[in-house]
C-alpha atoms as a PDB file:
ATOM      1  CA  MET A   1      -3.346  -5.745  14.432  1.00  0.00           C
ATOM      2  CA  ASP A   2      -1.511  -2.507  13.570  1.00  0.00           C
ATOM      3  CA  THR A   3      -0.348  -2.267   9.968  1.00  0.00           C
ATOM      4  CA  PHE A   4       2.277  -0.331   8.012  1.00  0.00           C
ATOM      5  CA  LEU A   5       1.976   0.079   4.255  1.00  0.00           C
ATOM      6  CA  PHE A   6       4.821   0.470   1.781  1.00  0.00           C
ATOM      7  CA  TRP A   7       4.257   1.022  -1.923  1.00  0.00           C
ATOM      8  CA  ASN A   8       6.580   1.969  -4.756  1.00  0.00           C
ATOM      9  CA  THR A   9       4.016   4.061  -6.628  1.00  0.00           C
ATOM     10  CA  ARG A  10       6.244   5.293  -9.477  1.00  0.00           C
ATOM     11  CA  GLY A  11       4.640   8.712  -9.312  1.00  0.00           C
ATOM     12  CA  ALA A  12       2.440  10.817  -7.044  1.00  0.00           C
ATOM     13  CA  SER A  13       0.991  13.507  -9.294  1.00  0.00           C
ATOM     14  CA  ASP A  14      -1.903  11.450 -10.658  1.00  0.00           C
ATOM     15  CA  LYS A  15      -5.239  11.336  -8.836  1.00  0.00           C
ATOM     16  CA  GLY A  16      -5.126   7.618  -9.496  1.00  0.00           C
ATOM     17  CA  LEU A  17      -2.709   7.323  -6.584  1.00  0.00           C
ATOM     18  CA  PHE A  18      -5.333   8.435  -4.086  1.00  0.00           C
ATOM     19  CA  ARG A  19      -8.032   6.326  -5.730  1.00  0.00           C
ATOM     20  CA  ASN A  20      -5.849   3.276  -5.225  1.00  0.00           C
ATOM     21  CA  LEU A  21      -4.797   4.251  -1.692  1.00  0.00           C
ATOM     22  CA  LYS A  22      -8.457   4.720  -0.828  1.00  0.00           C
ATOM     23  CA  SER A  23      -9.207   1.131  -1.847  1.00  0.00           C
ATOM     24  CA  ILE A  24      -6.167  -0.178   0.071  1.00  0.00           C
ATOM     25  CA  CYS A  25      -7.263   1.717   3.190  1.00  0.00           C
ATOM     26  CA  SER A  26     -10.928   0.715   2.885  1.00  0.00           C
ATOM     27  CA  GLY A  27     -10.381  -2.250   5.224  1.00  0.00           C
ATOM     28  CA  PRO A  28      -8.601  -1.844   8.543  1.00  0.00           C
ATOM     29  CA  ARG A  29      -6.668   1.362   7.838  1.00  0.00           C
ATOM     30  CA  PRO A  30      -2.868   1.305   8.267  1.00  0.00           C
ATOM     31  CA  CYS A  31      -1.553   3.560  11.013  1.00  0.00           C
ATOM     32  CA  LEU A  32       1.339   4.569   8.732  1.00  0.00           C
ATOM     33  CA  ILE A  33       1.867   4.538   4.966  1.00  0.00           C
ATOM     34  CA  SER A  34       5.073   5.058   3.009  1.00  0.00           C
ATOM     35  CA  LEU A  35       5.426   5.779  -0.701  1.00  0.00           C
ATOM     36  CA  ALA A  36       8.551   5.461  -2.850  1.00  0.00           C
ATOM     37  CA  GLU A  37       9.526   6.823  -6.252  1.00  0.00           C
ATOM     38  CA  THR A  38       7.054   9.664  -5.865  1.00  0.00           C
ATOM     39  CA  HIS A  39       8.851  11.583  -8.648  1.00  0.00           C
ATOM     40  CA  THR A  40       8.006  14.951  -7.112  1.00  0.00           C
ATOM     41  CA  ALA A  41       9.479  17.616  -4.851  1.00  0.00           C
ATOM     42  CA  ASP A  42       6.082  19.302  -4.425  1.00  0.00           C
ATOM     43  CA  ALA A  43       4.722  18.554  -0.939  1.00  0.00           C
ATOM     44  CA  SER A  44       1.275  19.824  -1.976  1.00  0.00           C
ATOM     45  CA  LYS A  45       0.850  16.667  -4.087  1.00  0.00           C
ATOM     46  CA  PHE A  46       0.307  14.751  -0.842  1.00  0.00           C
ATOM     47  CA  ARG A  47      -2.496  16.855   0.638  1.00  0.00           C
ATOM     48  CA  GLY A  48      -4.969  14.135  -0.266  1.00  0.00           C
ATOM     49  CA  LEU A  49      -3.412  11.900   2.392  1.00  0.00           C
ATOM     50  CA  SER A  50      -5.177  13.909   5.088  1.00  0.00           C
ATOM     51  CA  LYS A  51      -8.528  12.890   3.585  1.00  0.00           C
ATOM     52  CA  LEU A  52      -7.514   9.292   4.177  1.00  0.00           C
ATOM     53  CA  GLY A  53      -6.941   9.970   7.889  1.00  0.00           C
ATOM     54  CA  PHE A  54      -3.176  10.592   7.891  1.00  0.00           C
ATOM     55  CA  ASP A  55      -2.717  13.953   9.578  1.00  0.00           C
ATOM     56  CA  ARG A  56       1.107  13.981   9.812  1.00  0.00           C
ATOM     57  CA  SER A  57       3.628  13.490   7.024  1.00  0.00           C
ATOM     58  CA  TRP A  58       7.312  13.673   6.118  1.00  0.00           C
ATOM     59  CA  ILE A  59       8.399  14.231   2.527  1.00  0.00           C
ATOM     60  CA  VAL A  60      11.806  13.515   0.987  1.00  0.00           C
ATOM     61  CA  PRO A  61      11.804  15.387  -2.348  1.00  0.00           C
ATOM     62  CA  SER A  62      12.796  13.621  -5.538  1.00  0.00           C
ATOM     63  CA  VAL A  63      15.949  14.643  -7.367  1.00  0.00           C
ATOM     64  CA  GLY A  64      14.395  15.908 -10.569  1.00  0.00           C
ATOM     65  CA  ARG A  65      12.082  13.097 -11.615  1.00  0.00           C
ATOM     66  CA  SER A  66      14.115  10.453  -9.823  1.00  0.00           C
ATOM     67  CA  GLY A  67      13.252   8.875  -6.460  1.00  0.00           C
ATOM     68  CA  GLY A  68      11.302  10.661  -3.743  1.00  0.00           C
ATOM     69  CA  LEU A  69       9.833   9.296  -0.501  1.00  0.00           C
ATOM     70  CA  ALA A  70       6.732  10.161   1.495  1.00  0.00           C
ATOM     71  CA  VAL A  71       5.673   8.894   4.922  1.00  0.00           C
ATOM     72  CA  ALA A  72       2.324   9.736   6.506  1.00  0.00           C
ATOM     73  CA  TRP A  73       0.687   8.561   9.717  1.00  0.00           C
ATOM     74  CA  ASP A  74      -2.351   8.918  11.951  1.00  0.00           C
ATOM     75  CA  SER A  75      -1.111  10.706  15.076  1.00  0.00           C
ATOM     76  CA  ASN A  76      -4.157   9.512  17.031  1.00  0.00           C
ATOM     77  CA  ARG A  77      -2.930   5.932  16.688  1.00  0.00           C
ATOM     78  CA  ILE A  78       0.858   6.178  16.557  1.00  0.00           C
ATOM     79  CA  SER A  79       3.606   8.511  17.732  1.00  0.00           C
ATOM     80  CA  VAL A  80       6.386   8.924  15.148  1.00  0.00           C
ATOM     81  CA  SER A  81       9.724  10.729  15.399  1.00  0.00           C
ATOM     82  CA  VAL A  82      11.762  11.182  12.226  1.00  0.00           C
ATOM     83  CA  LEU A  83      15.360  10.569  13.285  1.00  0.00           C
ATOM     84  CA  GLU A  84      17.128  10.828   9.924  1.00  0.00           C
ATOM     85  CA  ASP A  85      16.372  10.942   6.222  1.00  0.00           C
ATOM     86  CA  ASP A  86      18.221  10.576   2.966  1.00  0.00           C
ATOM     87  CA  ARG A  87      17.215  10.220  -0.686  1.00  0.00           C
ATOM     88  CA  GLN A  88      17.110   6.431  -0.105  1.00  0.00           C
ATOM     89  CA  PHE A  89      15.649   6.048   3.387  1.00  0.00           C
ATOM     90  CA  VAL A  90      13.668   7.564   6.247  1.00  0.00           C
ATOM     91  CA  HIS A  91      14.569   6.339   9.741  1.00  0.00           C
ATOM     92  CA  LEU A  92      11.733   6.484  12.300  1.00  0.00           C
ATOM     93  CA  TYR A  93      11.112   5.834  15.978  1.00  0.00           C
ATOM     94  CA  CYS A  94       7.541   4.602  16.400  1.00  0.00           C
ATOM     95  CA  GLN A  95       5.307   3.934  19.353  1.00  0.00           C
ATOM     96  CA  ILE A  96       1.836   2.571  18.897  1.00  0.00           C
ATOM     97  CA  HIS A  97      -0.144   3.800  21.885  1.00  0.00           C
ATOM     98  CA  GLN A  98       0.294   1.584  24.957  1.00  0.00           C
ATOM     99  CA  LYS A  99       2.667  -0.769  23.105  1.00  0.00           C
ATOM    100  CA  LEU A 100       6.381  -1.424  22.867  1.00  0.00           C
ATOM    101  CA  PRO A 101       8.244   1.226  20.807  1.00  0.00           C
ATOM    102  CA  PHE A 102      10.377   0.157  17.851  1.00  0.00           C
ATOM    103  CA  PHE A 103      12.497   1.540  15.034  1.00  0.00           C
ATOM    104  CA  LEU A 104      11.238   1.485  11.446  1.00  0.00           C
ATOM    105  CA  THR A 105      13.377   2.337   8.429  1.00  0.00           C
ATOM    106  CA  ILE A 106      11.636   2.950   5.106  1.00  0.00           C
ATOM    107  CA  VAL A 107      13.894   2.165   2.141  1.00  0.00           C
ATOM    108  CA  TYR A 108      13.985   2.855  -1.562  1.00  0.00           C
ATOM    109  CA  ALA A 109      17.262   1.531  -2.995  1.00  0.00           C
ATOM    110  CA  VAL A 110      18.243   3.547  -6.067  1.00  0.00           C
ATOM    111  CA  PRO A 111      19.005   1.102  -8.927  1.00  0.00           C
ATOM    112  CA  TYR A 112      22.668   2.061  -9.209  1.00  0.00           C
ATOM    113  CA  SER A 113      25.314  -0.111  -7.545  1.00  0.00           C
ATOM    114  CA  ASN A 114      27.415   2.704  -6.086  1.00  0.00           C
ATOM    115  CA  LEU A 115      24.385   4.327  -4.451  1.00  0.00           C
ATOM    116  CA  ARG A 116      23.129   1.011  -3.082  1.00  0.00           C
ATOM    117  CA  ILE A 117      26.514   0.530  -1.422  1.00  0.00           C
ATOM    118  CA  GLU A 118      26.033   3.951   0.172  1.00  0.00           C
ATOM    119  CA  LEU A 119      22.546   2.942   1.351  1.00  0.00           C
ATOM    120  CA  TRP A 120      23.787  -0.230   3.023  1.00  0.00           C
ATOM    121  CA  ASN A 121      26.659   1.637   4.658  1.00  0.00           C
ATOM    122  CA  ASN A 122      24.032   3.910   6.204  1.00  0.00           C
ATOM    123  CA  ILE A 123      21.847   0.997   7.313  1.00  0.00           C
ATOM    124  CA  LEU A 124      24.905  -0.667   8.878  1.00  0.00           C
ATOM    125  CA  ARG A 125      25.676   2.567  10.716  1.00  0.00           C
ATOM    126  CA  LEU A 126      22.100   2.765  11.993  1.00  0.00           C
ATOM    127  CA  SER A 127      22.220  -0.854  13.162  1.00  0.00           C
ATOM    128  CA  LYS A 128      25.158  -0.160  15.479  1.00  0.00           C
ATOM    129  CA  GLY A 129      23.072   2.358  17.424  1.00  0.00           C
ATOM    130  CA  ILE A 130      19.964   0.209  17.797  1.00  0.00           C
ATOM    131  CA  ASN A 131      19.309  -2.032  20.800  1.00  0.00           C
ATOM    132  CA  ALA A 132      15.554  -2.371  20.386  1.00  0.00           C
ATOM    133  CA  PRO A 133      13.043  -3.928  17.972  1.00  0.00           C
ATOM    134  CA  TRP A 134      13.740  -2.749  14.407  1.00  0.00           C
ATOM    135  CA  SER A 135      12.232  -3.415  11.006  1.00  0.00           C
ATOM    136  CA  VAL A 136      13.406  -2.233   7.581  1.00  0.00           C
ATOM    137  CA  LEU A 137      10.645  -2.040   4.986  1.00  0.00           C
ATOM    138  CA  GLY A 138      10.795  -1.155   1.326  1.00  0.00           C
ATOM    139  CA  ASP A 139      12.036  -1.686  -2.206  1.00  0.00           C
ATOM    140  CA  PHE A 140      15.626  -2.953  -2.119  1.00  0.00           C
ATOM    141  CA  ASN A 141      16.052  -3.390  -5.888  1.00  0.00           C
ATOM    142  CA  ASP A 142      17.823  -6.707  -5.254  1.00  0.00           C
ATOM    143  CA  ILE A 143      16.842 -10.345  -5.037  1.00  0.00           C
ATOM    144  CA  LEU A 144      18.017 -12.647  -2.281  1.00  0.00           C
ATOM    145  CA  LEU A 145      17.403 -16.062  -3.894  1.00  0.00           C
ATOM    146  CA  ALA A 146      17.394 -17.403  -7.453  1.00  0.00           C
ATOM    147  CA  ASN A 147      13.662 -18.255  -7.212  1.00  0.00           C
ATOM    148  CA  GLU A 148      12.843 -14.584  -6.554  1.00  0.00           C
ATOM    149  CA  ARG A 149      13.215 -13.964 -10.289  1.00  0.00           C
ATOM    150  CA  VAL A 150      10.966 -15.535 -12.931  1.00  0.00           C
ATOM    151  CA  ARG A 151      11.793 -15.486 -16.642  1.00  0.00           C
ATOM    152  CA  GLY A 152      14.596 -13.430 -18.107  1.00  0.00           C
ATOM    153  CA  ARG A 153      18.216 -14.204 -17.308  1.00  0.00           C
ATOM    154  CA  SER A 154      19.024 -16.059 -14.107  1.00  0.00           C
ATOM    155  CA  GLY A 155      20.042 -13.951 -11.121  1.00  0.00           C
ATOM    156  CA  ASN A 156      23.652 -12.963 -10.515  1.00  0.00           C
ATOM    157  CA  LEU A 157      24.860 -15.300  -7.753  1.00  0.00           C
ATOM    158  CA  ARG A 158      27.591 -12.914  -6.619  1.00  0.00           C
ATOM    159  CA  ARG A 159      25.082 -10.089  -6.404  1.00  0.00           C
ATOM    160  CA  MET A 160      22.661 -12.220  -4.377  1.00  0.00           C
ATOM    161  CA  GLN A 161      25.443 -13.181  -1.986  1.00  0.00           C
ATOM    162  CA  TRP A 162      26.387  -9.507  -1.604  1.00  0.00           C
ATOM    163  CA  PHE A 163      22.769  -8.664  -0.715  1.00  0.00           C
ATOM    164  CA  HIS A 164      22.617 -11.573   1.759  1.00  0.00           C
ATOM    165  CA  ASP A 165      25.838 -10.413   3.423  1.00  0.00           C
ATOM    166  CA  ARG A 166      24.619  -6.824   3.794  1.00  0.00           C
ATOM    167  CA  ILE A 167      21.430  -8.039   5.507  1.00  0.00           C
ATOM    168  CA  SER A 168      23.398 -10.339   7.813  1.00  0.00           C
ATOM    169  CA  ASP A 169      25.987  -7.661   8.674  1.00  0.00           C
ATOM    170  CA  CYS A 170      23.166  -5.433   9.939  1.00  0.00           C
ATOM    171  CA  GLY A 171      21.750  -8.188  12.150  1.00  0.00           C
ATOM    172  CA  LEU A 172      18.594  -8.441  10.041  1.00  0.00           C
ATOM    173  CA  ILE A 173      16.519 -11.369   8.780  1.00  0.00           C
ATOM    174  CA  ASP A 174      14.130 -11.506   5.829  1.00  0.00           C
ATOM    175  CA  MET A 175      10.582 -11.876   7.194  1.00  0.00           C
ATOM    176  CA  GLY A 176       9.198 -13.695   4.180  1.00  0.00           C
ATOM    177  CA  SER A 177       5.676 -12.904   3.014  1.00  0.00           C
ATOM    178  CA  ILE A 178       2.225 -14.228   2.234  1.00  0.00           C
ATOM    179  CA  GLY A 179       0.353 -13.487  -0.972  1.00  0.00           C
ATOM    180  CA  PRO A 180       1.874 -13.053  -4.459  1.00  0.00           C
ATOM    181  CA  ARG A 181       5.568 -13.965  -4.328  1.00  0.00           C
ATOM    182  CA  MET A 182       6.812 -11.542  -6.994  1.00  0.00           C
ATOM    183  CA  THR A 183       6.349  -7.867  -6.155  1.00  0.00           C
ATOM    184  CA  TRP A 184       7.559  -6.268  -9.406  1.00  0.00           C
ATOM    185  CA  LYS A 185       6.378  -6.788 -12.980  1.00  0.00           C
ATOM    186  CA  GLY A 186       8.895  -5.693 -15.586  1.00  0.00           C
ATOM    187  CA  PRO A 187       8.111  -4.022 -18.910  1.00  0.00           C
ATOM    188  CA  LYS A 188       7.344  -6.068 -22.012  1.00  0.00           C
ATOM    189  CA  LEU A 189      10.282  -5.698 -24.399  1.00  0.00           C
ATOM    190  CA  ALA A 190      10.194  -6.875 -27.990  1.00  0.00           C
ATOM    191  CA  GLY A 191      11.643 -10.357 -28.340  1.00  0.00           C
ATOM    192  CA  CYS A 192      12.156 -10.802 -24.581  1.00  0.00           C
ATOM    193  CA  PRO A 193      10.002 -12.517 -21.937  1.00  0.00           C
ATOM    194  CA  ARG A 194       8.549 -10.278 -19.255  1.00  0.00           C
ATOM    195  CA  LEU A 195      10.563 -10.351 -16.022  1.00  0.00           C
ATOM    196  CA  PHE A 196       9.035 -10.759 -12.550  1.00  0.00           C
ATOM    197  CA  GLU A 197      11.035 -10.238  -9.339  1.00  0.00           C
ATOM    198  CA  ARG A 198      10.640 -10.012  -5.577  1.00  0.00           C
ATOM    199  CA  LEU A 199      12.153  -6.582  -4.903  1.00  0.00           C
ATOM    200  CA  ASP A 200       9.942  -5.372  -2.036  1.00  0.00           C
ATOM    201  CA  ARG A 201      10.285  -6.966   1.389  1.00  0.00           C
ATOM    202  CA  ALA A 202      10.512  -6.491   5.156  1.00  0.00           C
ATOM    203  CA  LEU A 203      13.594  -7.226   7.249  1.00  0.00           C
ATOM    204  CA  ALA A 204      13.697  -7.389  11.039  1.00  0.00           C
ATOM    205  CA  ASN A 205      16.224  -7.837  13.834  1.00  0.00           C
ATOM    206  CA  SER A 206      15.980 -10.588  16.437  1.00  0.00           C
ATOM    207  CA  GLN A 207      14.421  -8.272  19.044  1.00  0.00           C
ATOM    208  CA  PHE A 208      11.612  -7.362  16.685  1.00  0.00           C
ATOM    209  CA  LEU A 209      10.956 -11.033  15.953  1.00  0.00           C
ATOM    210  CA  ASP A 210      11.142 -11.958  19.654  1.00  0.00           C
ATOM    211  CA  HIS A 211       8.883  -9.214  21.004  1.00  0.00           C
ATOM    212  CA  MET A 212       6.448  -9.084  18.079  1.00  0.00           C
ATOM    213  CA  GLN A 213       6.084 -12.755  17.248  1.00  0.00           C
ATOM    214  CA  ASP A 214       2.744 -12.405  15.469  1.00  0.00           C
ATOM    215  CA  SER A 215       4.105  -9.908  12.955  1.00  0.00           C
ATOM    216  CA  PHE A 216       4.000 -10.824   9.259  1.00  0.00           C
ATOM    217  CA  LEU A 217       4.245  -9.259   5.805  1.00  0.00           C
ATOM    218  CA  LYS A 218       1.435  -9.498   3.264  1.00  0.00           C
ATOM    219  CA  VAL A 219       1.859  -8.713  -0.444  1.00  0.00           C
ATOM    220  CA  LEU A 220      -1.287  -6.990  -1.709  1.00  0.00           C
ATOM    221  CA  PRO A 221      -2.685  -7.238  -5.256  1.00  0.00           C
ATOM    222  CA  ARG A 222      -1.058  -5.008  -7.871  1.00  0.00           C
ATOM    223  CA  SER A 223      -3.248  -2.538  -9.774  1.00  0.00           C
ATOM    224  CA  ASN A 224      -2.295  -0.953 -13.087  1.00  0.00           C
ATOM    225  CA  PHE A 225      -1.216   2.283 -11.359  1.00  0.00           C
ATOM    226  CA  SER A 226       2.239   0.888 -10.562  1.00  0.00           C
ATOM    227  CA  ASN A 227       4.302  -2.125 -11.603  1.00  0.00           C
ATOM    228  CA  HIS A 228       4.989  -2.830  -7.903  1.00  0.00           C
ATOM    229  CA  ASN A 229       2.669  -4.582  -5.471  1.00  0.00           C
ATOM    230  CA  PRO A 230       1.934  -2.736  -2.222  1.00  0.00           C
ATOM    231  CA  ILE A 231       3.237  -4.581   0.843  1.00  0.00           C
ATOM    232  CA  LEU A 232       1.617  -4.469   4.281  1.00  0.00           C
ATOM    233  CA  LEU A 233       3.545  -5.134   7.500  1.00  0.00           C
ATOM    234  CA  SER A 234       1.281  -6.250  10.359  1.00  0.00           C
ATOM    235  CA  VAL A 235       2.797  -5.685  13.795  1.00  0.00           C
ATOM    236  CA  GLY A 236       1.850  -6.998  17.232  1.00  0.00           C
ATOM    237  CA  LEU A 237      -0.852  -9.205  18.646  1.00  0.00           C
ATOM    238  CA  LYS A 238      -4.199  -9.661  17.051  1.00  0.00           C
ATOM    239  CA  GLN A 239      -7.001  -7.872  18.810  1.00  0.00           C
ATOM    240  CA  GLU A 240     -10.653  -8.629  18.492  1.00  0.00           C
ATOM    241  CA  ARG A 241     -12.438  -5.989  16.466  1.00  0.00           C
ATOM    242  CA  PHE A 242     -16.094  -5.251  16.909  1.00  0.00           C
ATOM    243  CA  LYS A 243     -17.945  -4.161  13.815  1.00  0.00           C
ATOM    244  CA  SER A 244     -20.348  -1.317  14.282  1.00  0.00           C
ATOM    245  CA  LYS A 245     -23.066  -0.278  11.925  1.00  0.00           C
ATOM    246  CA  LYS A 246     -21.978   2.510   9.603  1.00  0.00           C
ATOM    247  CA  PRO A 247     -23.657   5.853  10.307  1.00  0.00           C
ATOM    248  CA  PHE A 248     -25.890   7.178   7.572  1.00  0.00           C
ATOM    249  CA  ARG A 249     -24.261   9.767   5.339  1.00  0.00           C
ATOM    250  CA  PHE A 250     -25.200  11.435   2.102  1.00  0.00           C
ATOM    251  CA  GLU A 251     -23.007  10.234  -0.780  1.00  0.00           C
ATOM    252  CA  ALA A 252     -21.951  12.791  -3.386  1.00  0.00           C
ATOM    253  CA  MET A 253     -21.980  10.137  -6.126  1.00  0.00           C
ATOM    254  CA  TRP A 254     -25.777   9.884  -5.839  1.00  0.00           C
ATOM    255  CA  LEU A 255     -26.055  13.346  -7.402  1.00  0.00           C
ATOM    256  CA  SER A 256     -24.219  12.105 -10.478  1.00  0.00           C
ATOM    257  CA  HIS A 257     -26.860   9.483 -11.278  1.00  0.00           C
ATOM    258  CA  GLU A 258     -29.599  10.438 -13.717  1.00  0.00           C
ATOM    259  CA  SER A 259     -32.398   8.799 -11.720  1.00  0.00           C
ATOM    260  CA  PHE A 260     -31.595  10.425  -8.366  1.00  0.00           C
ATOM    261  CA  SER A 261     -33.782  13.521  -8.920  1.00  0.00           C
ATOM    262  CA  ASP A 262     -36.822  11.356  -9.582  1.00  0.00           C
ATOM    263  CA  PHE A 263     -36.023   9.152  -6.605  1.00  0.00           C
ATOM    264  CA  LEU A 264     -35.741  12.217  -4.338  1.00  0.00           C
ATOM    265  CA  SER A 265     -39.040  13.641  -5.577  1.00  0.00           C
ATOM    266  CA  ASN A 266     -40.809  10.358  -4.944  1.00  0.00           C
ATOM    267  CA  ASN A 267     -39.300   9.661  -1.528  1.00  0.00           C
ATOM    268  CA  TRP A 268     -39.258  13.007   0.255  1.00  0.00           C
ATOM    269  CA  SER A 269     -42.550  14.144   1.699  1.00  0.00           C
ATOM    270  CA  ARG A 270     -42.908  17.662   3.053  1.00  0.00           C
ATOM    271  CA  GLN A 271     -46.140  16.739   4.775  1.00  0.00           C
ATOM    272  CA  ASN A 272     -44.370  14.890   7.597  1.00  0.00           C
ATOM    273  CA  ASN A 273     -42.046  16.349  10.210  1.00  0.00           C
ATOM    274  CA  LEU A 274     -38.327  16.498   9.456  1.00  0.00           C
ATOM    275  CA  LEU A 275     -37.320  13.504  11.611  1.00  0.00           C
ATOM    276  CA  ASP A 276     -39.926  11.240   9.978  1.00  0.00           C
ATOM    277  CA  CYS A 277     -38.809  12.421   6.541  1.00  0.00           C
ATOM    278  CA  LEU A 278     -35.165  11.630   7.306  1.00  0.00           C
ATOM    279  CA  ASN A 279     -35.943   8.172   8.699  1.00  0.00           C
ATOM    280  CA  SER A 280     -38.104   7.298   5.688  1.00  0.00           C
ATOM    281  CA  PHE A 281     -35.537   8.663   3.232  1.00  0.00           C
ATOM    282  CA  LYS A 282     -32.700   6.722   4.866  1.00  0.00           C
ATOM    283  CA  LYS A 283     -34.631   3.461   4.662  1.00  0.00           C
ATOM    284  CA  ASN A 284     -35.489   3.934   0.982  1.00  0.00           C
ATOM    285  CA  ILE A 285     -32.105   5.276  -0.138  1.00  0.00           C
ATOM    286  CA  ASP A 286     -30.331   2.195   1.243  1.00  0.00           C
ATOM    287  CA  GLY A 287     -32.254  -0.029  -1.139  1.00  0.00           C
ATOM    288  CA  TRP A 288     -31.839   2.377  -4.071  1.00  0.00           C
ATOM    289  CA  ASN A 289     -28.089   2.630  -3.443  1.00  0.00           C
ATOM    290  CA  ARG A 290     -27.700  -1.172  -3.432  1.00  0.00           C
ATOM    291  CA  ASN A 291     -29.623  -1.535  -6.688  1.00  0.00           C
ATOM    292  CA  VAL A 292     -27.977   1.354  -8.557  1.00  0.00           C
ATOM    293  CA  PHE A 293     -24.391   1.312  -7.319  1.00  0.00           C
ATOM    294  CA  GLY A 294     -24.241  -2.328  -6.291  1.00  0.00           C
ATOM    295  CA  PHE A 295     -22.127  -1.859  -3.167  1.00  0.00           C
ATOM    296  CA  VAL A 296     -19.021  -0.332  -4.751  1.00  0.00           C
ATOM    297  CA  GLU A 297     -16.880  -1.514  -1.841  1.00  0.00           C
ATOM    298  CA  LYS A 298     -17.829  -5.136  -2.490  1.00  0.00           C
ATOM    299  CA  LYS A 299     -17.040  -4.766  -6.180  1.00  0.00           C
ATOM    300  CA  ILE A 300     -13.598  -3.445  -5.293  1.00  0.00           C
ATOM    301  CA  ALA A 301     -13.000  -6.272  -2.819  1.00  0.00           C
ATOM    302  CA  THR A 302     -14.050  -8.877  -5.400  1.00  0.00           C
ATOM    303  CA  LEU A 303     -11.780  -7.445  -8.097  1.00  0.00           C
ATOM    304  CA  LEU A 304      -8.825  -7.253  -5.698  1.00  0.00           C
ATOM    305  CA  ALA A 305      -9.427 -10.853  -4.609  1.00  0.00           C
ATOM    306  CA  ARG A 306      -9.412 -12.016  -8.243  1.00  0.00           C
ATOM    307  CA  LEU A 307      -6.218 -10.071  -8.961  1.00  0.00           C
ATOM    308  CA  ASN A 308      -4.628 -11.584  -5.876  1.00  0.00           C
ATOM    309  CA  GLY A 309      -5.530 -15.064  -7.086  1.00  0.00           C
ATOM    310  CA  ILE A 310      -3.995 -14.436 -10.515  1.00  0.00           C
ATOM    311  CA  GLN A 311      -0.799 -12.841  -9.194  1.00  0.00           C
ATOM    312  CA  ASN A 312      -0.403 -15.629  -6.628  1.00  0.00           C
ATOM    313  CA  SER A 313      -0.685 -18.360  -9.262  1.00  0.00           C
ATOM    314  CA  LYS A 314       2.519 -20.203 -10.167  1.00  0.00           C
ATOM    315  CA  ALA A 315       1.357 -20.269 -13.790  1.00  0.00           C
ATOM    316  CA  TYR A 316       0.780 -16.496 -13.956  1.00  0.00           C
ATOM    317  CA  PRO A 317       4.187 -15.341 -15.317  1.00  0.00           C
ATOM    318  CA  TYR A 318       3.986 -17.930 -18.125  1.00  0.00           C
ATOM    319  CA  SER A 319       0.291 -17.677 -19.063  1.00  0.00           C
ATOM    320  CA  SER A 320      -0.818 -15.104 -21.650  1.00  0.00           C
ATOM    321  CA  PHE A 321      -4.436 -15.859 -20.667  1.00  0.00           C
ATOM    322  CA  LEU A 322      -3.823 -14.939 -17.017  1.00  0.00           C
ATOM    323  CA  CYS A 323      -1.816 -11.836 -17.983  1.00  0.00           C
ATOM    324  CA  ASP A 324      -4.628 -10.677 -20.290  1.00  0.00           C
ATOM    325  CA  LEU A 325      -7.232 -11.386 -17.607  1.00  0.00           C
ATOM    326  CA  GLU A 326      -5.138  -9.441 -15.094  1.00  0.00           C
ATOM    327  CA  LEU A 327      -5.081  -6.420 -17.411  1.00  0.00           C
ATOM    328  CA  GLN A 328      -8.852  -6.656 -17.939  1.00  0.00           C
ATOM    329  CA  LEU A 329      -9.513  -6.797 -14.183  1.00  0.00           C
ATOM    330  CA  GLN A 330      -7.086  -3.924 -13.521  1.00  0.00           C
ATOM    331  CA  ARG A 331      -8.945  -1.748 -16.033  1.00  0.00           C
ATOM    332  CA  GLU A 332     -12.272  -2.689 -14.480  1.00  0.00           C
ATOM    333  CA  LEU A 333     -10.883  -1.888 -11.023  1.00  0.00           C
ATOM    334  CA  GLU A 334      -9.650   1.510 -12.217  1.00  0.00           C
ATOM    335  CA  GLN A 335     -13.132   2.360 -13.517  1.00  0.00           C
ATOM    336  CA  VAL A 336     -14.790   1.289 -10.252  1.00  0.00           C
ATOM    337  CA  LEU A 337     -12.253   3.371  -8.299  1.00  0.00           C
ATOM    338  CA  ARG A 338     -13.058   6.383 -10.473  1.00  0.00           C
ATOM    339  CA  ASP A 339     -16.750   5.946  -9.608  1.00  0.00           C
ATOM    340  CA  GLU A 340     -15.864   5.550  -5.933  1.00  0.00           C
ATOM    341  CA  GLU A 341     -13.680   8.664  -6.031  1.00  0.00           C
ATOM    342  CA  VAL A 342     -16.738  10.880  -6.402  1.00  0.00           C
ATOM    343  CA  LYS A 343     -17.736   9.855  -2.864  1.00  0.00           C
ATOM    344  CA  TRP A 344     -14.721  11.386  -1.160  1.00  0.00           C
ATOM    345  CA  PHE A 345     -13.066  14.018  -3.355  1.00  0.00           C
END
């Protein structure tokens, strides 16, 4: 299954962005990722994406500290042509190798009504020139249904109808999602309940849904780096994946541990030939790594699974216990990601 990631990161200048992207990409890696509200016009801030396997990128600079989009992809897995960009969208033509090509539009709707009207006018214009599978993925800063907002004032029915009409006019359908329903967690304001909304989604035209029937959108757990959940669009038919044993590699984080020098002295013998030394060292370091670092990847997966369970709970927006537990797990995840970062930076 080929996947496409969208995440409103609310900033791109912090190393925490790449720590979090590393954990998101630690499973089957997306062939394309898109970031919104990057808050930067400096393309050098995205160099770390190449370390994650994304060798091509397209940057839409922010206007001051407002907005900003970044799209990056692995050219060995997908061919991408950037057809048009704007401060609120990037329009792409994509072809996953040996598969049906399709259009993909990455969206960040600026939270001002006049500019959102401009965005939808552009999407409508694009729709008139498309006679192929097409998906629109991103943060639309609007809700479609009353139950896509929890706590706070009820949604504006006229506004929801306007959003519904814009989607329909473009020949698009909301794809729904699995995972946590709300994708945005609002700030805590004195005397007001915290607001949760479903702002991030995927839309698709009928050709996309007909030709790519196994496609679906998954909402991933939210870390404390951003108040938006990442969303992951899976496209195409499932393919059987064969797991191969990871090749041995020296991990930089071992050097940071106080007991590594003693371990190395006790487990490296100069009396044997080099190949025997390497084989013996590899066998012993595997056990030491498990005991000392406790499989960092599994810790990350466990923490993300617990966060997903909390954020997917119907009681979550109303429960101070679950909100406090979420914050505790997010802090623990951030610390584990910092430890993991030493391995690849």
